[in-house]
C-alpha atoms as a PDB file:
ATOM      1  CA  MET A   1      71.492   6.811 135.366  1.00  0.00           C
ATOM      2  CA  ASP A   2      73.191   8.412 132.374  1.00  0.00           C
ATOM      3  CA  PRO A   3      73.727   5.584 129.846  1.00  0.00           C
ATOM      4  CA  PHE A   4      76.789   7.390 128.491  1.00  0.00           C
ATOM      5  CA  SER A   5      78.503   7.634 131.886  1.00  0.00           C
ATOM      6  CA  ALA A   6      81.027   4.982 132.947  1.00  0.00           C
ATOM      7  CA  GLU A   7      78.495   3.612 135.434  1.00  0.00           C
ATOM      8  CA  GLY A   8      75.809   3.561 132.750  1.00  0.00           C
ATOM      9  CA  GLU A   9      78.172   1.725 130.412  1.00  0.00           C
ATOM     10  CA  LEU A  10      78.836  -0.865 133.128  1.00  0.00           C
ATOM     11  CA  LEU A  11      75.095  -1.472 133.359  1.00  0.00           C
ATOM     12  CA  ASN A  12      74.980  -1.770 129.567  1.00  0.00           C
ATOM     13  CA  ILE A  13      77.758  -4.366 129.707  1.00  0.00           C
ATOM     14  CA  HIS A  14      75.805  -6.303 132.351  1.00  0.00           C
ATOM     15  CA  ASN A  15      72.657  -6.252 130.220  1.00  0.00           C
ATOM     16  CA  ALA A  16      74.529  -7.282 127.076  1.00  0.00           C
ATOM     17  CA  PHE A  17      76.237 -10.137 128.908  1.00  0.00           C
ATOM     18  CA  HIS A  18      73.006 -11.506 130.315  1.00  0.00           C
ATOM     19  CA  GLN A  19      71.382 -11.404 126.888  1.00  0.00           C
ATOM     20  CA  GLY A  20      74.251 -13.443 125.487  1.00  0.00           C
ATOM     21  CA  GLN A  21      75.683 -10.530 123.480  1.00  0.00           C
ATOM     22  CA  TYR A  22      79.261 -11.467 124.338  1.00  0.00           C
ATOM     23  CA  SER A  23      80.864  -9.760 121.335  1.00  0.00           C
ATOM     24  CA  THR A  24      79.117  -6.523 122.345  1.00  0.00           C
ATOM     25  CA  VAL A  25      80.641  -6.822 125.817  1.00  0.00           C
ATOM     26  CA  LEU A  26      84.117  -7.030 124.314  1.00  0.00           C
ATOM     27  CA  GLU A  27      83.547  -3.956 122.150  1.00  0.00           C
ATOM     28  CA  VAL A  28      83.102  -1.618 125.123  1.00  0.00           C
ATOM     29  CA  ASP A  29      86.100   0.562 125.995  1.00  0.00           C
ATOM     30  CA  THR A  30      86.571   0.092 129.743  1.00  0.00           C
ATOM     31  CA  SER A  31      89.711   2.225 130.027  1.00  0.00           C
ATOM     32  CA  ARG A  32      87.854   5.225 131.453  1.00  0.00           C
ATOM     33  CA  PHE A  33      86.108   3.273 134.192  1.00  0.00           C
ATOM     34  CA  SER A  34      86.766   4.263 137.782  1.00  0.00           C
ATOM     35  CA  ASN A  35      88.788   1.981 140.053  1.00  0.00           C
ATOM     36  CA  LYS A  36      85.502   0.893 141.595  1.00  0.00           C
ATOM     37  CA  ASN A  37      84.055  -0.259 138.267  1.00  0.00           C
ATOM     38  CA  ALA A  38      87.219  -1.398 136.483  1.00  0.00           C
ATOM     39  CA  LEU A  39      87.354  -4.842 138.085  1.00  0.00           C
ATOM     40  CA  PRO A  40      83.625  -5.690 137.597  1.00  0.00           C
ATOM     41  CA  ALA A  41      83.937  -4.617 133.948  1.00  0.00           C
ATOM     42  CA  ARG A  42      87.029  -6.767 133.459  1.00  0.00           C
ATOM     43  CA  ILE A  43      85.320  -9.758 135.074  1.00  0.00           C
ATOM     44  CA  LEU A  44      82.441  -9.469 132.617  1.00  0.00           C
ATOM     45  CA  THR A  45      84.791  -9.246 129.642  1.00  0.00           C
ATOM     46  CA  LEU A  46      86.729 -12.297 130.846  1.00  0.00           C
ATOM     47  CA  ARG A  47      83.516 -14.279 131.299  1.00  0.00           C
ATOM     48  CA  ALA A  48      82.340 -13.184 127.858  1.00  0.00           C
ATOM     49  CA  ARG A  49      85.596 -14.457 126.362  1.00  0.00           C
ATOM     50  CA  ILE A  50      85.128 -17.813 128.105  1.00  0.00           C
ATOM     51  CA  SER A  51      81.616 -18.025 126.674  1.00  0.00           C
ATOM     52  CA  LEU A  52      83.059 -17.322 123.223  1.00  0.00           C
ATOM     53  CA  GLY A  53      85.451 -20.271 123.516  1.00  0.00           C
ATOM     54  CA  GLN A  54      88.543 -18.308 124.546  1.00  0.00           C
ATOM     55  CA  ALA A  55      89.040 -20.053 127.906  1.00  0.00           C
ATOM     56  CA  GLU A  56      92.682 -20.979 127.259  1.00  0.00           C
ATOM     57  CA  ASP A  57      93.547 -17.365 126.447  1.00  0.00           C
ATOM     58  CA  VAL A  58      91.853 -16.238 129.664  1.00  0.00           C
ATOM     59  CA  ILE A  59      93.880 -18.747 131.684  1.00  0.00           C
ATOM     60  CA  THR A  60      97.109 -17.483 130.102  1.00  0.00           C
ATOM     61  CA  GLU A  61      96.166 -13.865 130.823  1.00  0.00           C
ATOM     62  CA  LEU A  62      95.395 -14.577 134.459  1.00  0.00           C
ATOM     63  CA  GLU A  63      98.626 -16.431 135.209  1.00  0.00           C
ATOM     64  CA  GLY A  64     100.495 -14.558 137.917  1.00  0.00           C
ATOM     65  CA  GLU A  65      97.615 -12.182 138.676  1.00  0.00           C
ATOM     66  CA  GLY A  66      97.963 -12.738 142.404  1.00  0.00           C
ATOM     67  CA  ASP A  67      95.334 -13.666 144.960  1.00  0.00           C
ATOM     68  CA  VAL A  68      92.403 -11.468 143.883  1.00  0.00           C
ATOM     69  CA  PRO A  69      89.396 -13.758 144.595  1.00  0.00           C
ATOM     70  CA  ASP A  70      87.431 -12.419 141.608  1.00  0.00           C
ATOM     71  CA  LEU A  71      90.206 -13.322 139.169  1.00  0.00           C
ATOM     72  CA  LYS A  72      90.966 -16.658 140.823  1.00  0.00           C
ATOM     73  CA  VAL A  73      87.365 -17.840 140.499  1.00  0.00           C
ATOM     74  CA  VAL A  74      87.117 -16.641 136.884  1.00  0.00           C
ATOM     75  CA  LYS A  75      90.309 -18.544 136.089  1.00  0.00           C
ATOM     76  CA  ALA A  76      88.685 -21.599 137.711  1.00  0.00           C
ATOM     77  CA  LEU A  77      85.673 -21.146 135.409  1.00  0.00           C
ATOM     78  CA  ALA A  78      88.027 -21.090 132.412  1.00  0.00           C
ATOM     79  CA  GLU A  79      89.728 -24.248 133.675  1.00  0.00           C
ATOM     80  CA  TYR A  80      86.319 -25.901 134.028  1.00  0.00           C
ATOM     81  CA  ALA A  81      85.462 -24.887 130.466  1.00  0.00           C
ATOM     82  CA  ILE A  82      88.506 -26.693 129.034  1.00  0.00           C
ATOM     83  CA  GLY A  83      87.864 -29.831 131.070  1.00  0.00           C
ATOM     84  CA  ASN A  84      89.983 -29.348 134.199  1.00  0.00           C
ATOM     85  CA  LYS A  85      86.882 -29.817 136.307  1.00  0.00           C
ATOM     86  CA  GLY A  86      88.357 -31.312 139.462  1.00  0.00           C
ATOM     87  CA  GLU A  87      90.841 -28.476 139.906  1.00  0.00           C
ATOM     88  CA  ALA A  88      88.185 -25.861 139.156  1.00  0.00           C
ATOM     89  CA  VAL A  89      85.747 -27.276 141.712  1.00  0.00           C
ATOM     90  CA  GLN A  90      88.475 -27.364 144.373  1.00  0.00           C
ATOM     91  CA  VAL A  91      89.215 -23.684 143.798  1.00  0.00           C
ATOM     92  CA  ALA A  92      85.513 -22.776 143.873  1.00  0.00           C
ATOM     93  CA  GLU A  93      84.952 -24.678 147.115  1.00  0.00           C
ATOM     94  CA  ALA A  94      88.043 -23.128 148.720  1.00  0.00           C
ATOM     95  CA  LEU A  95      86.960 -19.608 147.756  1.00  0.00           C
ATOM     96  CA  ALA A  96      83.447 -20.337 149.044  1.00  0.00           C
ATOM     97  CA  GLU A  97      85.102 -20.855 152.434  1.00  0.00           C
ATOM     98  CA  THR A  98      87.563 -17.961 152.360  1.00  0.00           C
ATOM     99  CA  SER A  99      85.633 -15.310 150.360  1.00  0.00           C
ATOM    100  CA  PRO A 100      81.926 -16.178 150.657  1.00  0.00           C
ATOM    101  CA  ASP A 101      80.850 -12.518 150.629  1.00  0.00           C
ATOM    102  CA  ASN A 102      82.574 -11.733 147.334  1.00  0.00           C
ATOM    103  CA  ALA A 103      79.923 -11.208 144.652  1.00  0.00           C
ATOM    104  CA  THR A 104      82.027 -12.710 141.844  1.00  0.00           C
ATOM    105  CA  VAL A 105      82.900 -15.740 143.961  1.00  0.00           C
ATOM    106  CA  GLN A 106      79.215 -16.206 144.699  1.00  0.00           C
ATOM    107  CA  VAL A 107      78.100 -16.086 141.064  1.00  0.00           C
ATOM    108  CA  VAL A 108      81.016 -17.743 139.273  1.00  0.00           C
ATOM    109  CA  GLY A 109      81.740 -20.191 142.069  1.00  0.00           C
ATOM    110  CA  GLY A 110      78.044 -21.033 142.258  1.00  0.00           C
ATOM    111  CA  THR A 111      78.027 -21.593 138.499  1.00  0.00           C
ATOM    112  CA  ILE A 112      80.910 -24.065 138.745  1.00  0.00           C
ATOM    113  CA  LEU A 113      79.381 -25.928 141.682  1.00  0.00           C
ATOM    114  CA  GLN A 114      75.993 -26.221 139.984  1.00  0.00           C
ATOM    115  CA  ALA A 115      77.596 -27.408 136.750  1.00  0.00           C
ATOM    116  CA  GLU A 116      79.248 -30.161 138.784  1.00  0.00           C
ATOM    117  CA  GLY A 117      75.912 -31.182 140.299  1.00  0.00           C
ATOM    118  CA  LYS A 118      76.622 -29.679 143.713  1.00  0.00           C
ATOM    119  CA  SER A 119      73.317 -27.818 143.882  1.00  0.00           C
ATOM    120  CA  GLU A 120      73.073 -27.462 147.645  1.00  0.00           C
ATOM    121  CA  GLU A 121      76.600 -26.072 147.894  1.00  0.00           C
ATOM    122  CA  ALA A 122      75.829 -23.659 145.068  1.00  0.00           C
ATOM    123  CA  ILE A 123      72.633 -22.409 146.701  1.00  0.00           C
ATOM    124  CA  ALA A 124      74.363 -22.030 150.070  1.00  0.00           C
ATOM    125  CA  LEU A 125      77.038 -19.843 148.464  1.00  0.00           C
ATOM    126  CA  LEU A 126      74.643 -17.835 146.298  1.00  0.00           C
ATOM    127  CA  GLY A 127      72.332 -17.312 149.265  1.00  0.00           C
ATOM    128  CA  LYS A 128      74.989 -15.165 150.949  1.00  0.00           C
ATOM    129  CA  HIS A 129      74.456 -12.386 148.397  1.00  0.00           C
ATOM    130  CA  GLN A 130      73.542  -8.847 149.415  1.00  0.00           C
ATOM    131  CA  GLY A 131      71.398  -7.547 146.580  1.00  0.00           C
ATOM    132  CA  ASN A 132      73.245  -9.420 143.802  1.00  0.00           C
ATOM    133  CA  LEU A 133      70.715  -9.816 140.985  1.00  0.00           C
ATOM    134  CA  GLU A 134      72.787 -12.355 139.109  1.00  0.00           C
ATOM    135  CA  ALA A 135      72.940 -14.510 142.229  1.00  0.00           C
ATOM    136  CA  VAL A 136      69.148 -14.334 142.438  1.00  0.00           C
ATOM    137  CA  ALA A 137      68.826 -15.378 138.790  1.00  0.00           C
ATOM    138  CA  LEU A 138      71.130 -18.343 139.327  1.00  0.00           C
ATOM    139  CA  ILE A 139      69.204 -19.451 142.406  1.00  0.00           C
ATOM    140  CA  VAL A 140      66.028 -19.325 140.311  1.00  0.00           C
ATOM    141  CA  GLN A 141      67.676 -21.427 137.599  1.00  0.00           C
ATOM    142  CA  ILE A 142      68.825 -24.032 140.107  1.00  0.00           C
ATOM    143  CA  HIS A 143      65.366 -24.315 141.682  1.00  0.00           C
ATOM    144  CA  LEU A 144      63.831 -24.761 138.236  1.00  0.00           C
ATOM    145  CA  GLN A 145      66.351 -27.504 137.444  1.00  0.00           C
ATOM    146  CA  GLN A 146      65.306 -29.141 140.701  1.00  0.00           C
ATOM    147  CA  ASN A 147      61.648 -28.878 139.600  1.00  0.00           C
ATOM    148  CA  ARG A 148      60.965 -26.625 142.595  1.00  0.00           C
ATOM    149  CA  THR A 149      58.937 -23.996 140.771  1.00  0.00           C
ATOM    150  CA  ASP A 150      57.487 -22.895 144.098  1.00  0.00           C
ATOM    151  CA  LEU A 151      60.907 -21.930 145.462  1.00  0.00           C
ATOM    152  CA  ALA A 152      61.889 -20.260 142.180  1.00  0.00           C
ATOM    153  CA  LEU A 153      58.716 -18.168 142.226  1.00  0.00           C
ATOM    154  CA  LYS A 154      59.302 -17.237 145.857  1.00  0.00           C
ATOM    155  CA  GLU A 155      62.813 -16.033 144.973  1.00  0.00           C
ATOM    156  CA  VAL A 156      61.545 -13.919 142.074  1.00  0.00           C
ATOM    157  CA  LEU A 157      58.755 -12.317 144.097  1.00  0.00           C
ATOM    158  CA  ALA A 158      61.158 -11.441 146.902  1.00  0.00           C
ATOM    159  CA  ALA A 159      63.611  -9.842 144.455  1.00  0.00           C
ATOM    160  CA  LYS A 160      60.878  -7.816 142.738  1.00  0.00           C
ATOM    161  CA  ARG A 161      60.327  -5.902 145.969  1.00  0.00           C
ATOM    162  CA  TRP A 162      63.723  -4.242 145.547  1.00  0.00           C
ATOM    163  CA  ALA A 163      64.528  -4.729 141.846  1.00  0.00           C
ATOM    164  CA  GLN A 164      61.222  -4.294 140.027  1.00  0.00           C
ATOM    165  CA  ASP A 165      62.646  -2.943 136.774  1.00  0.00           C
ATOM    166  CA  SER A 166      65.724  -5.125 136.549  1.00  0.00           C
ATOM    167  CA  LEU A 167      66.315  -6.882 133.228  1.00  0.00           C
ATOM    168  CA  LEU A 168      67.587  -9.996 135.016  1.00  0.00           C
ATOM    169  CA  ILE A 169      64.545 -10.229 137.277  1.00  0.00           C
ATOM    170  CA  ASN A 170      62.220  -9.799 134.294  1.00  0.00           C
ATOM    171  CA  ILE A 171      64.039 -12.628 132.522  1.00  0.00           C
ATOM    172  CA  ALA A 172      64.012 -14.823 135.639  1.00  0.00           C
ATOM    173  CA  GLU A 173      60.292 -14.176 136.104  1.00  0.00           C
ATOM    174  CA  SER A 174      59.765 -15.251 132.491  1.00  0.00           C
ATOM    175  CA  TRP A 175      61.655 -18.515 133.125  1.00  0.00           C
ATOM    176  CA  VAL A 176      59.327 -19.208 136.028  1.00  0.00           C
ATOM    177  CA  GLY A 177      56.322 -18.207 133.934  1.00  0.00           C
ATOM    178  CA  LEU A 178      57.181 -20.877 131.378  1.00  0.00           C
ATOM    179  CA  ARG A 179      56.885 -23.439 134.183  1.00  0.00           C
ATOM    180  CA  VAL A 180      53.751 -21.982 135.778  1.00  0.00           C
ATOM    181  CA  GLY A 181      51.883 -21.887 132.461  1.00  0.00           C
ATOM    182  CA  GLY A 182      48.498 -20.400 131.593  1.00  0.00           C
ATOM    183  CA  GLU A 183      48.585 -16.675 130.968  1.00  0.00           C
ATOM    184  CA  LYS A 184      52.222 -16.665 132.099  1.00  0.00           C
ATOM    185  CA  TYR A 185      53.198 -18.152 128.737  1.00  0.00           C
ATOM    186  CA  GLN A 186      52.027 -15.029 126.957  1.00  0.00           C
ATOM    187  CA  GLN A 187      53.688 -12.723 129.477  1.00  0.00           C
ATOM    188  CA  ALA A 188      56.984 -14.558 129.027  1.00  0.00           C
ATOM    189  CA  PHE A 189      56.607 -14.334 125.264  1.00  0.00           C
ATOM    190  CA  TYR A 190      56.246 -10.547 125.418  1.00  0.00           C
ATOM    191  CA  VAL A 191      59.450 -10.225 127.475  1.00  0.00           C
ATOM    192  CA  PHE A 192      61.544 -12.420 125.175  1.00  0.00           C
ATOM    193  CA  GLU A 193      60.039 -10.886 122.036  1.00  0.00           C
ATOM    194  CA  GLU A 194      60.992  -7.387 123.196  1.00  0.00           C
ATOM    195  CA  LEU A 195      64.534  -8.489 124.019  1.00  0.00           C
ATOM    196  CA  ALA A 196      64.902 -10.299 120.698  1.00  0.00           C
ATOM    197  CA  GLN A 197      63.867  -7.157 118.825  1.00  0.00           C
ATOM    198  CA  THR A 198      66.416  -4.938 120.568  1.00  0.00           C
ATOM    199  CA  PRO A 199      68.444  -3.292 117.773  1.00  0.00           C
ATOM    200  CA  SER A 200      71.774  -4.275 119.373  1.00  0.00           C
ATOM    201  CA  SER A 201      70.724  -7.882 119.965  1.00  0.00           C
ATOM    202  CA  SER A 202      72.804 -10.238 117.848  1.00  0.00           C
ATOM    203  CA  ALA A 203      72.778 -13.289 120.126  1.00  0.00           C
ATOM    204  CA  PRO A 204      70.136 -16.029 119.904  1.00  0.00           C
ATOM    205  CA  LYS A 205      69.444 -16.335 123.643  1.00  0.00           C
ATOM    206  CA  SER A 206      66.336 -14.123 123.674  1.00  0.00           C
ATOM    207  CA  ILE A 207      65.132 -15.610 120.393  1.00  0.00           C
ATOM    208  CA  ILE A 208      65.334 -19.078 121.945  1.00  0.00           C
ATOM    209  CA  GLY A 209      63.281 -17.857 124.895  1.00  0.00           C
ATOM    210  CA  GLN A 210      60.730 -16.460 122.466  1.00  0.00           C
ATOM    211  CA  ALA A 211      60.649 -19.796 120.605  1.00  0.00           C
ATOM    212  CA  VAL A 212      60.049 -21.756 123.823  1.00  0.00           C
ATOM    213  CA  ALA A 213      57.160 -19.448 124.719  1.00  0.00           C
ATOM    214  CA  GLU A 214      55.730 -19.856 121.207  1.00  0.00           C
ATOM    215  CA  LEU A 215      55.910 -23.639 121.552  1.00  0.00           C
ATOM    216  CA  HIS A 216      54.055 -23.568 124.864  1.00  0.00           C
ATOM    217  CA  LEU A 217      51.406 -21.396 123.236  1.00  0.00           C
ATOM    218  CA  GLY A 218      50.971 -23.999 120.493  1.00  0.00           C
ATOM    219  CA  ARG A 219      52.194 -21.692 117.738  1.00  0.00           C
ATOM    220  CA  LEU A 220      54.341 -24.210 115.856  1.00  0.00           C
ATOM    221  CA  PRO A 221      55.095 -22.202 112.674  1.00  0.00           C
ATOM    222  CA  GLU A 222      56.251 -19.245 114.783  1.00  0.00           C
ATOM    223  CA  THR A 223      58.339 -21.596 116.938  1.00  0.00           C
ATOM    224  CA  GLU A 224      60.055 -23.032 113.895  1.00  0.00           C
ATOM    225  CA  ALA A 225      60.753 -19.578 112.454  1.00  0.00           C
ATOM    226  CA  ALA A 226      62.308 -18.355 115.716  1.00  0.00           C
ATOM    227  CA  LEU A 227      64.492 -21.449 116.121  1.00  0.00           C
ATOM    228  CA  ARG A 228      65.634 -21.195 112.515  1.00  0.00           C
ATOM    229  CA  GLN A 229      66.592 -17.569 113.136  1.00  0.00           C
ATOM    230  CA  ALA A 230      68.535 -18.535 116.272  1.00  0.00           C
ATOM    231  CA  LEU A 231      70.462 -21.232 114.388  1.00  0.00           C
ATOM    232  CA  GLU A 232      71.207 -18.865 111.530  1.00  0.00           C
ATOM    233  CA  ARG A 233      72.836 -16.495 113.992  1.00  0.00           C
ATOM    234  CA  ASP A 234      74.755 -19.275 115.766  1.00  0.00           C
ATOM    235  CA  PRO A 235      74.612 -22.698 114.032  1.00  0.00           C
ATOM    236  CA  LYS A 236      76.443 -24.402 116.901  1.00  0.00           C
ATOM    237  CA  ASN A 237      74.440 -22.902 119.778  1.00  0.00           C
ATOM    238  CA  PRO A 238      73.605 -25.935 121.955  1.00  0.00           C
ATOM    239  CA  GLU A 239      70.417 -24.431 123.403  1.00  0.00           C
ATOM    240  CA  ALA A 240      69.081 -23.591 119.941  1.00  0.00           C
ATOM    241  CA  ILE A 241      69.865 -27.131 118.780  1.00  0.00           C
ATOM    242  CA  ALA A 242      68.339 -28.770 121.882  1.00  0.00           C
ATOM    243  CA  ASN A 243      65.143 -26.758 121.618  1.00  0.00           C
ATOM    244  CA  THR A 244      64.935 -27.527 117.924  1.00  0.00           C
ATOM    245  CA  ILE A 245      65.057 -31.232 118.837  1.00  0.00           C
ATOM    246  CA  VAL A 246      62.183 -30.738 121.275  1.00  0.00           C
ATOM    247  CA  PHE A 247      60.210 -28.835 118.651  1.00  0.00           C
ATOM    248  CA  LEU A 248      60.755 -31.497 115.983  1.00  0.00           C
ATOM    249  CA  ILE A 249      59.689 -34.291 118.311  1.00  0.00           C
ATOM    250  CA  ALA A 250      56.655 -32.310 119.477  1.00  0.00           C
ATOM    251  CA  SER A 251      55.603 -31.757 115.865  1.00  0.00           C
ATOM    252  CA  GLY A 252      56.057 -35.418 114.942  1.00  0.00           C
ATOM    253  CA  ARG A 253      59.169 -34.943 112.809  1.00  0.00           C
ATOM    254  CA  ASP A 254      62.548 -36.684 112.667  1.00  0.00           C
ATOM    255  CA  ALA A 255      65.124 -35.126 115.014  1.00  0.00           C
ATOM    256  CA  THR A 256      67.987 -37.554 114.291  1.00  0.00           C
ATOM    257  CA  GLU A 257      70.115 -35.002 112.436  1.00  0.00           C
ATOM    258  CA  HIS A 258      69.875 -32.427 115.200  1.00  0.00           C
ATOM    259  CA  ILE A 259      70.530 -35.014 117.921  1.00  0.00           C
ATOM    260  CA  SER A 260      73.736 -35.952 116.090  1.00  0.00           C
ATOM    261  CA  LEU A 261      74.633 -32.270 115.780  1.00  0.00           C
ATOM    262  CA  LEU A 262      74.145 -31.727 119.519  1.00  0.00           C
ATOM    263  CA  LYS A 263      76.334 -34.765 120.280  1.00  0.00           C
ATOM    264  CA  THR A 264      79.056 -33.180 118.185  1.00  0.00           C
ATOM    265  CA  THR A 265      78.827 -29.615 119.481  1.00  0.00           C
ATOM    266  CA  SER A 266      77.953 -30.283 123.132  1.00  0.00           C
ATOM    267  CA  PRO A 267      78.343 -33.967 124.058  1.00  0.00           C
ATOM    268  CA  GLU A 268      77.654 -33.337 127.757  1.00  0.00           C
ATOM    269  CA  HIS A 269      74.537 -31.213 127.230  1.00  0.00           C
ATOM    270  CA  PRO A 270      71.876 -31.918 129.909  1.00  0.00           C
ATOM    271  CA  PHE A 271      69.373 -32.888 127.201  1.00  0.00           C
ATOM    272  CA  LEU A 272      71.675 -35.655 125.955  1.00  0.00           C
ATOM    273  CA  LEU A 273      72.518 -36.841 129.460  1.00  0.00           C
ATOM    274  CA  ASP A 274      68.806 -37.032 130.283  1.00  0.00           C
ATOM    275  CA  LEU A 275      68.146 -38.896 127.036  1.00  0.00           C
ATOM    276  CA  GLN A 276      70.918 -41.392 127.815  1.00  0.00           C
ATOM    277  CA  GLU A 277      69.530 -41.930 131.318  1.00  0.00           C
ATOM    278  CA  LYS A 278      66.037 -42.592 129.970  1.00  0.00           C
ATOM    279  CA  ASP A 279      67.400 -44.990 127.313  1.00  0.00           C
ATOM    280  CA  ALA A 280      69.293 -46.916 129.982  1.00  0.00           C
ATOM    281  CA  THR A 281      66.197 -47.078 132.205  1.00  0.00           C
ATOM    282  CA  PHE A 282      64.105 -48.371 129.304  1.00  0.00           C
ATOM    283  CA  ASP A 283      66.686 -51.013 128.377  1.00  0.00           C
ATOM    284  CA  LYS A 284      66.882 -52.163 131.996  1.00  0.00           C
ATOM    285  CA  ALA A 285      63.094 -52.468 132.221  1.00  0.00           C
ATOM    286  CA  ALA A 286      62.862 -54.204 128.834  1.00  0.00           C
ATOM    287  CA  ALA A 287      65.478 -56.776 129.886  1.00  0.00           C
ATOM    288  CA  LYS A 288      63.098 -58.110 132.525  1.00  0.00           C
ATOM    289  CA  TYR A 289      60.748 -59.356 129.843  1.00  0.00           C
ATOM    290  CA  THR A 290      61.187 -61.988 127.175  1.00  0.00           C
ATOM    291  CA  ALA A 291      59.144 -62.269 124.049  1.00  0.00           C
ATOM    292  CA  LYS A 292      56.681 -65.136 123.911  1.00  0.00           C
ATOM    293  CA  VAL A 293      56.237 -66.701 120.506  1.00  0.00           C
ATOM    294  CA  ALA A 294      53.051 -68.643 119.946  1.00  0.00           C
END
């Protein structure tokens, strides 16, 4: 495919979006896209804006846009981002019933449902895809969150039969590799390192992936350098902060400052919720015992 054609540019937008290069997505001139590609390109730009914290502006723009399922589900994602979660989930569930074959409904609706802890509903919706690579990647993510590495690996291997050279499948395979371990750590590192060194890459997502692979490989100085680079590019990136916490704890250092930072920037981050759950479990267990003083 010609990278300078409208179709090639759409693929470039997809790749930039999935590498977290949201500003790059917004820089692309989509005015010359065909009718077929105009809506997918707009959806990506709207999602990029939500990721950049512009959810309220997206909601305002989409007011009165009619009943296009793609736009309705993206508006629901923006509503979810600003805290209107109940309304957003209702819209996602309704669209899952009325437009289950719509690729945007599958991916964005599945994202909302998974964020709300409705994993089975999300997988059921995403599983209706017909060659949607982003749906595959999300299914892989959900299985990994469920600690079902076997199902995630099965999904990746099935997708590789028809999407061998896809960026998303390579990334998804690297996620699985970080769970499988062994030589897969090094393979994942190579993928994330290459992405992080892409000249146009300005987002920390690939650098974070590289740092996680470095940590698994026991290369602590390299891990620290990568995480520092990620935080320099985006000081409030919750994934960079959370992985820095893990690194500091793993290297026997104080992570209090970064835990406080994560509480400020992303108070509902899964790492914090898991930490709170473990603290509560410990306190409950400790309450069963009383100290005996000789």
